Amino acid sequence: MEIKDMVAKILSAAAVVALAGAANAAAFKVQGAVDMGGVGGNGMAIGGDFTGILSFAPFAAAGVGCQIGSVTAPSLANTAAANATSFSAIYFVAGGVNSAPNAGNDAVRLFTAASSAAYTTPKVRILIRDNGVDVNVEFNGLGNDGAIVGGGTLSQPYRLAQYGNGLYVETYVPTPGAAALFGVAGLAAARRRR
């Protein structure tokens, strides 16, 4: 095989990988509790600009607070602790909430802050329906992939993300660039062995 033929095949394979990566990940559902700590919680309080949050009713329906998707006054499973810089509680919506497209990914909004100042999310647990199976997923910080509590494999990656003043859980298709580079390196190594 000539070098130009090999380059053409590599470029074709890279294009296929790039097109596959452009697709959205599958829809999912926040099926149960969002655990941001508090009494009986395993998560930890989140931080941000929560100026104006009502400690007795810390819901997005009042302007700043927790929500799940379009439900801006979810049920509390424990007593919320809320102030201008910190929020902790376990909250849920009976029956769950389906994801919807947001910024190119499928996502569910979890919180509304007073401004777009950065959130801190040291440990948040969310019960997610992943490919028809309910799993408790733990997130450690923004942008990091979540993992099933107790081990196991998710059907797709999930992460916490911030868009404007909103905190979301989203699924996404990993960037195919790294996989394409490994593929090119593998093809080049195979060529050298011949």
N, C-alpha and C. Protein backbone atom coordinates (compact mmCIF):
# COMPACT_ATOMS: atom_id res chain seq x y z
N MET A 1 0.86 -1.17 0.00
CA MET A 1 0.00 0.00 0.00
C MET A 1 0.90 1.23 0.00
N GLU A 2 0.60 2.15 -0.90
CA GLU A 2 1.39 3.38 -0.96
C GLU A 2 0.99 4.32 0.15
N ILE A 3 1.90 5.23 0.47
CA ILE A 3 1.68 6.20 1.54
C ILE A 3 0.42 7.03 1.27
N LYS A 4 0.21 7.47 0.02
CA LYS A 4 -0.95 8.32 -0.27
C LYS A 4 -2.26 7.55 -0.05
N ASP A 5 -2.26 6.24 -0.34
CA ASP A 5 -3.46 5.43 -0.09
C ASP A 5 -3.72 5.29 1.41
N MET A 6 -2.63 5.09 2.17
CA MET A 6 -2.78 4.96 3.61
C MET A 6 -3.29 6.28 4.21
N VAL A 7 -2.77 7.40 3.75
CA VAL A 7 -3.22 8.71 4.24
C VAL A 7 -4.69 8.91 3.92
N ALA A 8 -5.12 8.53 2.73
CA ALA A 8 -6.53 8.67 2.34
C ALA A 8 -7.42 7.83 3.26
N LYS A 9 -6.98 6.61 3.57
CA LYS A 9 -7.77 5.75 4.46
C LYS A 9 -7.83 6.32 5.87
N ILE A 10 -6.72 6.86 6.34
CA ILE A 10 -6.68 7.46 7.68
C ILE A 10 -7.62 8.66 7.75
N LEU A 11 -7.57 9.51 6.74
CA LEU A 11 -8.45 10.69 6.72
C LEU A 11 -9.91 10.29 6.65
N SER A 12 -10.22 9.25 5.88
CA SER A 12 -11.60 8.77 5.80
C SER A 12 -12.07 8.24 7.15
N ALA A 13 -11.21 7.48 7.82
CA ALA A 13 -11.56 6.94 9.13
C ALA A 13 -11.75 8.06 10.14
N ALA A 14 -10.88 9.07 10.09
CA ALA A 14 -11.01 10.21 11.02
C ALA A 14 -12.31 10.96 10.78
N ALA A 15 -12.72 11.09 9.52
CA ALA A 15 -13.98 11.78 9.21
C ALA A 15 -15.17 11.01 9.77
N VAL A 16 -15.13 9.69 9.64
CA VAL A 16 -16.22 8.86 10.18
C VAL A 16 -16.30 9.01 11.69
N VAL A 17 -15.14 8.97 12.37
CA VAL A 17 -15.11 9.12 13.82
C VAL A 17 -15.63 10.50 14.22
N ALA A 18 -15.24 11.54 13.50
CA ALA A 18 -15.69 12.89 13.82
C ALA A 18 -17.20 13.02 13.64
N LEU A 19 -17.75 12.44 12.58
CA LEU A 19 -19.20 12.50 12.38
C LEU A 19 -19.94 11.74 13.46
N ALA A 20 -19.39 10.61 13.88
CA ALA A 20 -20.04 9.84 14.95
C ALA A 20 -20.05 10.65 16.24
N GLY A 21 -18.99 11.41 16.50
CA GLY A 21 -18.91 12.21 17.71
C GLY A 21 -19.83 13.41 17.69
N ALA A 22 -20.33 13.81 16.53
CA ALA A 22 -21.20 14.97 16.43
C ALA A 22 -22.62 14.67 16.90
N ALA A 23 -22.96 13.40 17.03
CA ALA A 23 -24.32 13.03 17.45
C ALA A 23 -24.52 13.31 18.93
N ASN A 24 -25.74 13.60 19.32
CA ASN A 24 -26.06 13.80 20.73
C ASN A 24 -26.10 12.47 21.44
N ALA A 25 -25.84 12.51 22.74
CA ALA A 25 -25.99 11.32 23.56
C ALA A 25 -27.48 11.08 23.77
N ALA A 26 -27.83 9.93 24.31
CA ALA A 26 -29.23 9.55 24.50
C ALA A 26 -29.88 10.34 25.63
N ALA A 27 -31.18 10.50 25.53
CA ALA A 27 -31.95 11.15 26.58
C ALA A 27 -31.89 10.28 27.84
N PHE A 28 -32.11 10.91 28.99
CA PHE A 28 -32.10 10.21 30.26
C PHE A 28 -33.13 10.85 31.17
N LYS A 29 -33.19 10.41 32.41
CA LYS A 29 -34.17 10.93 33.35
C LYS A 29 -33.56 11.05 34.74
N VAL A 30 -33.78 12.21 35.40
CA VAL A 30 -33.47 12.31 36.82
C VAL A 30 -34.66 11.65 37.50
N GLN A 31 -34.46 10.42 37.93
CA GLN A 31 -35.55 9.58 38.40
C GLN A 31 -35.88 9.77 39.87
N GLY A 32 -34.90 10.18 40.64
CA GLY A 32 -35.13 10.29 42.08
C GLY A 32 -34.44 11.49 42.67
N ALA A 33 -33.87 11.28 43.84
CA ALA A 33 -33.33 12.38 44.62
C ALA A 33 -32.06 12.98 44.04
N VAL A 34 -31.93 14.30 44.26
CA VAL A 34 -30.70 15.03 44.05
C VAL A 34 -30.17 15.29 45.45
N ASP A 35 -29.01 14.73 45.76
CA ASP A 35 -28.45 14.77 47.11
C ASP A 35 -27.29 15.76 47.15
N MET A 36 -27.55 16.92 47.77
CA MET A 36 -26.52 17.94 47.97
C MET A 36 -26.24 18.08 49.47
N GLY A 37 -26.35 16.97 50.19
CA GLY A 37 -25.99 16.93 51.60
C GLY A 37 -27.11 17.29 52.54
N GLY A 38 -26.72 17.61 53.77
CA GLY A 38 -27.68 17.87 54.82
C GLY A 38 -27.91 16.62 55.64
N VAL A 39 -28.88 16.67 56.53
CA VAL A 39 -29.18 15.56 57.43
C VAL A 39 -29.52 14.30 56.61
N GLY A 40 -28.79 13.24 56.88
CA GLY A 40 -29.04 11.97 56.19
C GLY A 40 -28.51 11.91 54.77
N GLY A 41 -27.84 12.96 54.32
CA GLY A 41 -27.34 12.99 52.95
C GLY A 41 -25.94 12.44 52.82
N ASN A 42 -25.61 11.97 51.64
CA ASN A 42 -24.26 11.51 51.32
C ASN A 42 -23.51 12.52 50.46
N GLY A 43 -24.24 13.48 49.89
CA GLY A 43 -23.61 14.53 49.10
C GLY A 43 -23.06 15.61 50.00
N MET A 44 -22.56 16.68 49.40
CA MET A 44 -22.02 17.81 50.15
C MET A 44 -22.66 19.09 49.64
N ALA A 45 -22.67 20.11 50.48
CA ALA A 45 -23.25 21.40 50.10
C ALA A 45 -22.56 21.95 48.86
N ILE A 46 -23.34 22.60 48.01
CA ILE A 46 -22.77 23.30 46.86
C ILE A 46 -22.56 24.76 47.24
N GLY A 47 -21.69 25.44 46.52
CA GLY A 47 -21.43 26.84 46.77
C GLY A 47 -21.66 27.66 45.51
N GLY A 48 -21.88 28.97 45.71
CA GLY A 48 -22.09 29.88 44.58
C GLY A 48 -22.68 31.17 45.08
N ASP A 49 -23.14 31.97 44.14
CA ASP A 49 -23.79 33.23 44.50
C ASP A 49 -25.28 32.98 44.65
N PHE A 50 -25.69 32.74 45.88
CA PHE A 50 -27.09 32.44 46.17
C PHE A 50 -27.76 33.61 46.90
N THR A 51 -27.28 34.81 46.61
CA THR A 51 -27.86 36.01 47.20
C THR A 51 -29.36 36.03 46.96
N GLY A 52 -30.13 36.24 48.04
CA GLY A 52 -31.57 36.31 47.91
C GLY A 52 -32.29 35.00 48.11
N ILE A 53 -31.54 33.89 48.32
CA ILE A 53 -32.20 32.61 48.54
C ILE A 53 -33.00 32.66 49.84
N LEU A 54 -34.16 32.06 49.84
CA LEU A 54 -35.01 32.02 51.02
C LEU A 54 -34.69 30.74 51.79
N SER A 55 -34.19 30.87 53.00
CA SER A 55 -33.80 29.68 53.76
C SER A 55 -34.99 28.79 54.08
N PHE A 56 -36.18 29.37 54.21
CA PHE A 56 -37.37 28.57 54.52
C PHE A 56 -38.04 28.00 53.28
N ALA A 57 -37.70 28.49 52.10
CA ALA A 57 -38.24 28.00 50.82
C ALA A 57 -37.19 28.21 49.74
N PRO A 58 -36.12 27.39 49.75
CA PRO A 58 -34.98 27.62 48.84
C PRO A 58 -35.21 27.07 47.43
N PHE A 59 -36.26 27.58 46.78
CA PHE A 59 -36.63 27.05 45.48
C PHE A 59 -36.42 28.08 44.38
N ALA A 60 -36.12 27.58 43.19
CA ALA A 60 -35.96 28.46 42.03
C ALA A 60 -37.25 29.22 41.74
N ALA A 61 -38.40 28.69 42.17
CA ALA A 61 -39.67 29.37 41.97
C ALA A 61 -39.67 30.73 42.66
N ALA A 62 -38.86 30.86 43.74
CA ALA A 62 -38.76 32.13 44.46
C ALA A 62 -37.61 32.99 43.93
N GLY A 63 -36.94 32.54 42.88
CA GLY A 63 -35.86 33.31 42.25
C GLY A 63 -34.52 32.62 42.27
N VAL A 64 -34.11 32.13 43.44
CA VAL A 64 -32.82 31.45 43.59
C VAL A 64 -33.07 30.17 44.36
N GLY A 65 -32.57 29.05 43.85
CA GLY A 65 -32.71 27.81 44.60
C GLY A 65 -32.76 26.57 43.74
N CYS A 66 -33.16 25.48 44.38
CA CYS A 66 -33.15 24.17 43.73
C CYS A 66 -34.35 24.00 42.81
N GLN A 67 -34.15 23.15 41.84
CA GLN A 67 -35.19 22.77 40.90
C GLN A 67 -34.76 21.48 40.22
N ILE A 68 -35.68 20.81 39.55
CA ILE A 68 -35.34 19.67 38.70
C ILE A 68 -36.08 19.90 37.40
N GLY A 69 -35.33 20.23 36.36
CA GLY A 69 -35.95 20.56 35.08
C GLY A 69 -36.83 21.78 35.24
N SER A 70 -38.06 21.69 34.74
CA SER A 70 -38.98 22.82 34.82
C SER A 70 -39.74 22.88 36.14
N VAL A 71 -39.52 21.89 37.03
CA VAL A 71 -40.17 21.89 38.34
C VAL A 71 -39.33 22.76 39.27
N THR A 72 -39.83 23.97 39.53
CA THR A 72 -39.05 24.95 40.29
C THR A 72 -39.34 24.96 41.78
N ALA A 73 -40.13 24.02 42.26
CA ALA A 73 -40.38 23.85 43.69
C ALA A 73 -40.48 22.36 44.00
N PRO A 74 -39.34 21.63 43.90
CA PRO A 74 -39.37 20.19 44.17
C PRO A 74 -39.61 19.91 45.65
N SER A 75 -39.91 18.66 45.96
CA SER A 75 -40.11 18.24 47.34
C SER A 75 -38.77 18.08 48.04
N LEU A 76 -38.73 18.47 49.31
CA LEU A 76 -37.51 18.31 50.11
C LEU A 76 -37.62 17.01 50.91
N ALA A 77 -36.52 16.22 50.91
CA ALA A 77 -36.47 14.99 51.70
C ALA A 77 -35.86 15.23 53.07
N ASN A 78 -35.21 16.37 53.25
CA ASN A 78 -34.66 16.75 54.55
C ASN A 78 -34.77 18.27 54.67
N THR A 79 -34.32 18.82 55.77
CA THR A 79 -34.39 20.26 55.96
C THR A 79 -33.23 20.91 55.22
N ALA A 80 -33.55 21.87 54.37
CA ALA A 80 -32.53 22.57 53.61
C ALA A 80 -31.76 23.54 54.50
N ALA A 81 -30.49 23.71 54.21
CA ALA A 81 -29.66 24.73 54.83
C ALA A 81 -29.21 25.64 53.69
N ALA A 82 -29.64 26.88 53.70
CA ALA A 82 -29.37 27.78 52.58
C ALA A 82 -28.98 29.16 53.09
N ASN A 83 -27.94 29.72 52.48
CA ASN A 83 -27.57 31.11 52.73
C ASN A 83 -27.00 31.69 51.44
N ALA A 84 -26.42 32.87 51.49
CA ALA A 84 -25.98 33.58 50.29
C ALA A 84 -24.84 32.88 49.54
N THR A 85 -24.15 31.94 50.17
CA THR A 85 -23.02 31.28 49.50
C THR A 85 -23.06 29.76 49.53
N SER A 86 -24.04 29.16 50.21
CA SER A 86 -24.04 27.71 50.38
C SER A 86 -25.47 27.17 50.37
N PHE A 87 -25.62 25.94 49.84
CA PHE A 87 -26.92 25.27 49.83
C PHE A 87 -26.69 23.79 50.06
N SER A 88 -27.49 23.21 50.96
CA SER A 88 -27.49 21.76 51.11
C SER A 88 -28.91 21.28 51.37
N ALA A 89 -29.26 20.19 50.73
CA ALA A 89 -30.56 19.55 50.90
C ALA A 89 -30.60 18.32 49.99
N ILE A 90 -31.57 17.47 50.25
CA ILE A 90 -31.92 16.39 49.34
C ILE A 90 -33.30 16.72 48.82
N TYR A 91 -33.46 16.73 47.52
CA TYR A 91 -34.76 17.08 46.94
C TYR A 91 -35.07 16.19 45.75
N PHE A 92 -36.37 16.12 45.41
CA PHE A 92 -36.81 15.21 44.36
C PHE A 92 -38.13 15.67 43.77
N VAL A 93 -38.48 15.05 42.64
CA VAL A 93 -39.79 15.23 42.00
C VAL A 93 -40.36 13.83 41.81
N ALA A 94 -41.53 13.57 42.38
CA ALA A 94 -42.16 12.26 42.22
C ALA A 94 -42.36 11.98 40.73
N GLY A 95 -41.97 10.80 40.31
CA GLY A 95 -42.10 10.42 38.91
C GLY A 95 -40.91 10.80 38.05
N GLY A 96 -40.02 11.64 38.57
CA GLY A 96 -38.82 12.03 37.85
C GLY A 96 -39.05 13.08 36.78
N VAL A 97 -37.96 13.49 36.14
CA VAL A 97 -37.99 14.53 35.10
C VAL A 97 -37.08 14.09 33.95
N ASN A 98 -37.61 14.13 32.74
CA ASN A 98 -36.84 13.77 31.55
C ASN A 98 -35.88 14.87 31.15
N SER A 99 -34.77 14.47 30.56
CA SER A 99 -33.82 15.45 30.04
C SER A 99 -34.37 16.13 28.80
N ALA A 100 -33.77 17.25 28.48
CA ALA A 100 -34.15 18.02 27.29
C ALA A 100 -32.88 18.62 26.70
N PRO A 101 -32.88 18.93 25.41
CA PRO A 101 -31.69 19.53 24.80
C PRO A 101 -31.32 20.86 25.46
N ASN A 102 -30.01 21.01 25.71
CA ASN A 102 -29.47 22.25 26.28
C ASN A 102 -28.02 22.37 25.83
N ALA A 103 -27.68 23.42 25.16
CA ALA A 103 -26.30 23.69 24.72
C ALA A 103 -25.70 22.50 23.97
N GLY A 104 -26.51 21.82 23.17
CA GLY A 104 -26.02 20.72 22.35
C GLY A 104 -26.00 19.37 23.03
N ASN A 105 -26.35 19.31 24.30
CA ASN A 105 -26.38 18.05 25.04
C ASN A 105 -27.75 17.86 25.66
N ASP A 106 -28.07 16.65 26.09
CA ASP A 106 -29.29 16.42 26.85
C ASP A 106 -28.97 16.71 28.31
N ALA A 107 -29.86 17.48 28.97
CA ALA A 107 -29.56 17.93 30.33
C ALA A 107 -30.83 18.13 31.14
N VAL A 108 -30.65 18.20 32.46
CA VAL A 108 -31.71 18.55 33.40
C VAL A 108 -31.14 19.62 34.32
N ARG A 109 -31.86 20.75 34.41
CA ARG A 109 -31.42 21.84 35.29
C ARG A 109 -31.67 21.44 36.74
N LEU A 110 -30.67 21.70 37.61
CA LEU A 110 -30.76 21.31 39.02
C LEU A 110 -30.83 22.50 39.97
N PHE A 111 -30.35 23.67 39.55
CA PHE A 111 -30.27 24.80 40.48
C PHE A 111 -30.20 26.09 39.68
N THR A 112 -30.73 27.16 40.27
CA THR A 112 -30.62 28.50 39.69
C THR A 112 -29.98 29.41 40.73
N ALA A 113 -28.86 30.03 40.35
CA ALA A 113 -28.14 30.94 41.24
C ALA A 113 -28.54 32.38 40.94
N ALA A 114 -28.04 33.31 41.76
CA ALA A 114 -28.34 34.73 41.59
C ALA A 114 -27.54 35.34 40.45
N SER A 115 -26.38 34.74 40.13
CA SER A 115 -25.54 35.26 39.05
C SER A 115 -24.80 34.10 38.41
N SER A 116 -23.95 34.42 37.44
CA SER A 116 -23.20 33.37 36.75
C SER A 116 -21.84 33.12 37.40
N ALA A 117 -21.66 33.57 38.64
CA ALA A 117 -20.43 33.24 39.36
C ALA A 117 -20.31 31.72 39.44
N ALA A 118 -19.10 31.22 39.46
CA ALA A 118 -18.87 29.78 39.39
C ALA A 118 -19.44 29.03 40.59
N TYR A 119 -20.06 27.90 40.30
CA TYR A 119 -20.53 26.98 41.33
C TYR A 119 -19.34 26.17 41.86
N THR A 120 -19.43 25.71 43.10
CA THR A 120 -18.54 24.66 43.60
C THR A 120 -19.43 23.47 43.94
N THR A 121 -19.04 22.33 43.47
CA THR A 121 -19.85 21.11 43.65
C THR A 121 -18.93 19.98 44.11
N PRO A 122 -18.53 19.96 45.39
CA PRO A 122 -17.57 18.96 45.84
C PRO A 122 -18.06 17.52 45.72
N LYS A 123 -19.33 17.27 46.04
CA LYS A 123 -19.86 15.91 45.89
C LYS A 123 -21.39 16.01 45.84
N VAL A 124 -21.94 15.59 44.71
CA VAL A 124 -23.39 15.59 44.50
C VAL A 124 -23.78 14.20 44.01
N ARG A 125 -24.86 13.65 44.58
CA ARG A 125 -25.37 12.36 44.12
C ARG A 125 -26.75 12.55 43.52
N ILE A 126 -26.99 11.87 42.40
CA ILE A 126 -28.26 11.99 41.69
C ILE A 126 -28.71 10.60 41.25
N LEU A 127 -29.99 10.28 41.50
CA LEU A 127 -30.56 9.03 41.01
C LEU A 127 -30.99 9.26 39.56
N ILE A 128 -30.30 8.60 38.64
CA ILE A 128 -30.52 8.78 37.19
C ILE A 128 -31.04 7.48 36.59
N ARG A 129 -32.01 7.59 35.70
CA ARG A 129 -32.43 6.43 34.92
C ARG A 129 -31.55 6.41 33.67
N ASP A 130 -30.60 5.50 33.67
CA ASP A 130 -29.61 5.36 32.60
C ASP A 130 -29.96 4.14 31.77
N ASN A 131 -30.42 4.38 30.55
CA ASN A 131 -30.77 3.28 29.64
C ASN A 131 -31.76 2.31 30.29
N GLY A 132 -32.75 2.87 31.00
CA GLY A 132 -33.81 2.07 31.60
C GLY A 132 -33.51 1.52 32.99
N VAL A 133 -32.31 1.78 33.50
CA VAL A 133 -31.91 1.26 34.82
C VAL A 133 -31.65 2.44 35.75
N ASP A 134 -32.24 2.40 36.97
CA ASP A 134 -32.02 3.46 37.95
C ASP A 134 -30.69 3.23 38.66
N VAL A 135 -29.81 4.23 38.61
CA VAL A 135 -28.50 4.14 39.25
C VAL A 135 -28.22 5.43 40.02
N ASN A 136 -27.55 5.28 41.14
CA ASN A 136 -27.15 6.42 41.95
C ASN A 136 -25.77 6.84 41.47
N VAL A 137 -25.68 8.04 40.89
CA VAL A 137 -24.44 8.51 40.28
C VAL A 137 -23.85 9.63 41.14
N GLU A 138 -22.56 9.51 41.42
CA GLU A 138 -21.87 10.53 42.23
C GLU A 138 -20.98 11.38 41.33
N PHE A 139 -21.06 12.69 41.55
CA PHE A 139 -20.26 13.67 40.81
C PHE A 139 -19.35 14.39 41.78
N ASN A 140 -18.10 14.56 41.39
CA ASN A 140 -17.12 15.29 42.20
C ASN A 140 -16.58 16.46 41.39
N GLY A 141 -17.27 17.59 41.46
CA GLY A 141 -16.85 18.78 40.76
C GLY A 141 -17.51 18.94 39.40
N LEU A 142 -17.45 20.17 38.89
CA LEU A 142 -17.99 20.48 37.57
C LEU A 142 -17.13 19.85 36.48
N GLY A 143 -17.76 19.32 35.45
CA GLY A 143 -17.05 18.83 34.28
C GLY A 143 -16.47 17.44 34.41
N ASN A 144 -16.49 16.86 35.61
CA ASN A 144 -15.94 15.51 35.80
C ASN A 144 -17.03 14.48 35.58
N ASP A 145 -16.68 13.38 34.94
CA ASP A 145 -17.64 12.31 34.72
C ASP A 145 -18.13 11.73 36.04
N GLY A 146 -19.42 11.45 36.12
CA GLY A 146 -19.99 10.80 37.28
C GLY A 146 -19.71 9.31 37.25
N ALA A 147 -19.81 8.68 38.42
CA ALA A 147 -19.60 7.24 38.54
C ALA A 147 -20.71 6.65 39.40
N ILE A 148 -21.08 5.41 39.10
CA ILE A 148 -22.12 4.72 39.87
C ILE A 148 -21.59 4.45 41.27
N VAL A 149 -22.36 4.82 42.29
CA VAL A 149 -21.99 4.54 43.66
C VAL A 149 -21.96 3.02 43.84
N GLY A 150 -20.85 2.51 44.34
CA GLY A 150 -20.71 1.06 44.53
C GLY A 150 -20.16 0.34 43.31
N GLY A 151 -19.88 1.07 42.23
CA GLY A 151 -19.31 0.46 41.04
C GLY A 151 -20.34 0.12 39.98
N GLY A 152 -19.88 -0.14 38.80
CA GLY A 152 -20.74 -0.46 37.68
C GLY A 152 -20.40 0.44 36.50
N THR A 153 -21.07 0.19 35.39
CA THR A 153 -20.80 0.93 34.16
C THR A 153 -22.05 1.64 33.68
N LEU A 154 -21.90 2.91 33.37
CA LEU A 154 -22.99 3.71 32.79
C LEU A 154 -23.03 3.48 31.29
N SER A 155 -24.20 3.64 30.68
CA SER A 155 -24.32 3.46 29.24
C SER A 155 -23.75 4.65 28.47
N GLN A 156 -23.59 5.78 29.15
CA GLN A 156 -23.03 6.99 28.54
C GLN A 156 -22.49 7.87 29.66
N PRO A 157 -21.59 8.80 29.35
CA PRO A 157 -21.04 9.64 30.42
C PRO A 157 -22.01 10.76 30.83
N TYR A 158 -21.97 11.10 32.12
CA TYR A 158 -22.75 12.20 32.68
C TYR A 158 -21.79 13.11 33.43
N ARG A 159 -22.10 14.40 33.48
CA ARG A 159 -21.29 15.35 34.24
C ARG A 159 -22.17 16.50 34.71
N LEU A 160 -21.68 17.23 35.72
CA LEU A 160 -22.32 18.47 36.13
C LEU A 160 -21.72 19.59 35.30
N ALA A 161 -22.55 20.51 34.85
CA ALA A 161 -22.08 21.62 34.02
C ALA A 161 -22.82 22.89 34.40
N GLN A 162 -22.17 24.01 34.21
CA GLN A 162 -22.77 25.31 34.48
C GLN A 162 -22.95 26.05 33.18
N TYR A 163 -24.17 26.56 32.97
CA TYR A 163 -24.48 27.43 31.83
C TYR A 163 -25.16 28.66 32.41
N GLY A 164 -24.50 29.81 32.30
CA GLY A 164 -25.03 31.03 32.88
C GLY A 164 -25.17 30.85 34.39
N ASN A 165 -26.37 31.10 34.91
CA ASN A 165 -26.58 30.94 36.36
C ASN A 165 -27.18 29.58 36.71
N GLY A 166 -27.23 28.67 35.76
CA GLY A 166 -27.83 27.36 35.99
C GLY A 166 -26.82 26.25 36.19
N LEU A 167 -27.14 25.33 37.10
CA LEU A 167 -26.36 24.12 37.30
C LEU A 167 -27.15 22.97 36.69
N TYR A 168 -26.51 22.16 35.86
CA TYR A 168 -27.17 21.09 35.13
C TYR A 168 -26.44 19.77 35.33
N VAL A 169 -27.17 18.67 35.19
CA VAL A 169 -26.56 17.37 34.97
C VAL A 169 -26.82 17.09 33.50
N GLU A 170 -25.76 16.69 32.79
CA GLU A 170 -25.91 16.47 31.35
C GLU A 170 -25.16 15.23 30.93
N THR A 171 -25.58 14.71 29.79
CA THR A 171 -24.85 13.64 29.14
C THR A 171 -24.26 14.22 27.86
N TYR A 172 -23.22 13.61 27.39
CA TYR A 172 -22.53 14.16 26.22
C TYR A 172 -21.80 13.05 25.49
N VAL A 173 -21.44 13.33 24.27
CA VAL A 173 -20.62 12.40 23.49
C VAL A 173 -19.18 12.88 23.62
N PRO A 174 -18.28 12.04 24.15
CA PRO A 174 -16.89 12.46 24.32
C PRO A 174 -16.28 12.88 22.98
N THR A 175 -15.40 13.83 23.03
CA THR A 175 -14.72 14.31 21.83
C THR A 175 -13.95 13.17 21.19
N PRO A 176 -14.15 12.95 19.91
CA PRO A 176 -13.50 11.81 19.26
C PRO A 176 -12.03 12.06 18.90
N GLY A 177 -11.52 13.24 19.13
CA GLY A 177 -10.16 13.56 18.73
C GLY A 177 -9.12 12.61 19.28
N ALA A 178 -9.19 12.31 20.57
CA ALA A 178 -8.20 11.43 21.19
C ALA A 178 -8.29 10.04 20.58
N ALA A 179 -9.49 9.53 20.39
CA ALA A 179 -9.65 8.20 19.80
C ALA A 179 -9.09 8.17 18.38
N ALA A 180 -9.32 9.23 17.64
CA ALA A 180 -8.81 9.29 16.26
C ALA A 180 -7.28 9.29 16.25
N LEU A 181 -6.67 10.02 17.18
CA LEU A 181 -5.20 10.06 17.24
C LEU A 181 -4.63 8.68 17.57
N PHE A 182 -5.27 7.97 18.52
CA PHE A 182 -4.80 6.62 18.83
C PHE A 182 -4.95 5.71 17.62
N GLY A 183 -6.03 5.87 16.87
CA GLY A 183 -6.23 5.07 15.67
C GLY A 183 -5.16 5.33 14.63
N VAL A 184 -4.81 6.59 14.44
CA VAL A 184 -3.76 6.96 13.48
C VAL A 184 -2.43 6.37 13.92
N ALA A 185 -2.13 6.47 15.21
CA ALA A 185 -0.87 5.93 15.72
C ALA A 185 -0.83 4.41 15.52
N GLY A 186 -1.95 3.75 15.75
CA GLY A 186 -2.02 2.30 15.56
C GLY A 186 -1.80 1.91 14.11
N LEU A 187 -2.41 2.66 13.20
CA LEU A 187 -2.22 2.37 11.77
C LEU A 187 -0.77 2.59 11.35
N ALA A 188 -0.18 3.65 11.87
CA ALA A 188 1.23 3.94 11.52
C ALA A 188 2.14 2.82 12.08
N ALA A 189 1.88 2.36 13.29
CA ALA A 189 2.69 1.30 13.88
C ALA A 189 2.53 0.01 13.08
N ALA A 190 1.31 -0.28 12.67
CA ALA A 190 1.07 -1.49 11.87
C ALA A 190 1.82 -1.40 10.55
N ARG A 191 1.85 -0.22 9.96
CA ARG A 191 2.54 -0.02 8.68
C ARG A 191 4.04 -0.24 8.85
N ARG A 192 4.60 0.24 9.98
CA ARG A 192 6.02 0.09 10.21
C ARG A 192 6.42 -1.37 10.37
N ARG A 193 5.53 -2.19 10.93
CA ARG A 193 5.83 -3.61 11.17
C ARG A 193 5.88 -4.41 9.88
N ARG A 194 5.23 -3.93 8.84
CA ARG A 194 5.18 -4.70 7.58
C ARG A 194 6.46 -4.64 6.82
